Every structure is written in structure tokens, then in C-alpha cells.
Protein backbone atom coordinates (compact mmCIF):
# COMPACT_ATOMS: atom_id res chain seq x y z
CA MET A 1 0.00 0.00 0.00
CA GLN A 2 3.01 2.29 -0.32
CA ASP A 3 1.72 3.41 -3.74
CA ASP A 4 -1.51 4.35 -2.02
CA ASP A 5 0.23 6.50 0.62
CA ARG A 6 -1.10 4.27 3.40
CA ARG A 7 2.12 3.00 4.94
CA GLY A 8 1.85 2.62 8.69
CA ILE A 9 -1.95 2.47 8.90
CA ALA A 10 -3.73 0.09 11.25
CA ASP A 11 -4.09 -3.51 10.07
CA HIS A 12 -7.88 -3.44 9.91
CA LEU A 13 -7.77 -0.33 7.71
CA LEU A 14 -5.12 -1.92 5.50
CA LEU A 15 -7.32 -4.97 4.94
CA ASP A 16 -10.32 -2.71 4.32
CA ARG A 17 -8.41 -0.77 1.65
CA ALA A 18 -7.09 -3.93 -0.04
CA THR A 19 -10.63 -5.29 -0.10
CA GLU A 20 -11.93 -2.04 -1.56
CA LEU A 21 -9.34 -2.37 -4.33
CA GLY A 22 -9.99 -6.11 -4.80
CA ARG A 23 -6.37 -7.00 -4.04
CA PRO A 24 -5.15 -9.78 -1.78
CA LEU A 25 -2.26 -8.83 0.49
CA PHE A 26 1.11 -10.45 1.09
CA SER A 27 2.57 -9.94 4.54
CA GLN A 28 5.04 -11.23 7.06
CA ASP A 29 3.35 -9.23 9.83
CA GLU A 30 1.87 -11.52 12.45
CA ASP A 31 -0.57 -8.84 13.62
CA LEU A 32 -2.07 -8.72 10.12
CA LEU A 33 -2.45 -12.50 10.23
CA VAL A 34 -4.31 -12.17 13.53
CA GLU A 35 -6.66 -9.59 11.99
CA ALA A 36 -7.33 -11.79 8.95
CA ARG A 37 -8.10 -14.79 11.16
CA ARG A 38 -10.38 -12.63 13.32
CA ARG A 39 -12.30 -11.65 10.19
CA GLN A 40 -12.59 -15.27 9.15
CA GLY A 41 -14.01 -16.15 12.55
CA THR A 42 -16.51 -13.30 12.60
CA GLY A 43 -17.56 -13.42 8.94
CA ILE A 44 -16.11 -10.05 7.96
CA ASN A 45 -15.14 -10.18 4.29
CA PHE A 46 -11.61 -9.34 3.17
CA SER A 47 -9.66 -9.70 -0.03
CA GLY A 48 -7.36 -12.46 1.20
CA LEU A 49 -3.94 -12.72 2.76
CA VAL A 50 -0.84 -14.57 1.69
CA TYR A 51 1.33 -14.93 4.79
CA ALA A 52 4.91 -16.06 5.32
CA ARG A 53 6.89 -16.23 8.53
CA GLN A 54 10.19 -14.45 7.98
CA TRP A 55 12.34 -17.20 9.42
CA GLN A 56 10.62 -20.01 7.50
CA VAL A 57 10.95 -18.84 3.89
CA THR A 58 13.55 -17.11 1.75
CA ILE A 59 12.84 -14.08 -0.39
CA GLY A 60 13.39 -16.21 -3.49
CA ASP A 61 10.85 -18.77 -2.29
CA CYS A 62 8.33 -16.00 -1.60
CA VAL A 63 8.78 -14.54 -5.07
CA ARG A 64 8.45 -17.95 -6.71
CA ASP A 65 5.34 -18.88 -4.71
CA LEU A 66 3.70 -15.47 -5.19
CA GLN A 67 4.30 -15.72 -8.93
CA LEU A 68 2.70 -19.16 -8.95
CA ILE A 69 -0.32 -17.90 -7.02
CA ALA A 70 -0.67 -14.98 -9.45
CA GLU A 71 -0.53 -17.34 -12.42
CA VAL A 72 -3.01 -19.96 -11.24
CA MET A 73 -5.49 -18.10 -9.02
CA GLU A 74 -7.88 -15.25 -9.58
CA PRO A 75 -8.02 -12.62 -6.82
CA GLU A 76 -11.59 -13.70 -6.00
CA GLU A 77 -10.33 -17.19 -5.18
CA LEU A 78 -8.27 -15.75 -2.32
CA ALA A 79 -11.18 -13.81 -0.83
CA ASN A 80 -11.63 -14.51 2.89
CA ARG A 81 -8.70 -16.95 2.86
CA VAL A 82 -5.25 -17.07 4.36
CA GLU A 83 -2.63 -18.87 2.29
CA TYR A 84 0.69 -19.71 3.90
CA LEU A 85 4.11 -19.66 2.25
CA PRO A 86 6.08 -21.63 1.41
CA LEU A 87 3.50 -23.55 -0.62
């Protein structure tokens, strides 16, 4: 969301903005993962989250897996889901 001048905003607002734009998010922020899981549990729609723990995946693996997700999935298929990297 740096292009959108929203760096540093609260996680719930970040997910709201991504949903408004129809874009799933990629993050290594555990707080954002908590917010996404809260939304899943309470039925609040969001555009989807692809999550990777920093110590469990390399940058190269993230890029490869994100490219694969972009090639085989439509953004709507990630709606209200959390996908974990590495795949």
C-alpha cells in the first residue's frame, strides 16, 4: 500500500483498503495475520492474505510462490482466505 500513501496504517484499515481495491495482500506481519483470522471467525469479508513467517521462507521462495499464485489463481479465489508460504 506504499503506492496508495497508506504506509503505517492500522491492520484493519489496511485490509479494508485492499478489499476495496480487490487486491489480496502479502505480509510477514503476524498482527495482520491475527486480523485476517479474526475476520474469518466473525464473517467479515476481506480480499485475502498470503502470509509467510520471515524465518521459514527465503525471499526467493516468496517470489516464486507469489508468482505461482498470481498465475493460477484469480483474486476472487483468495477472498476470505489465508494462504501460507512456502506452498
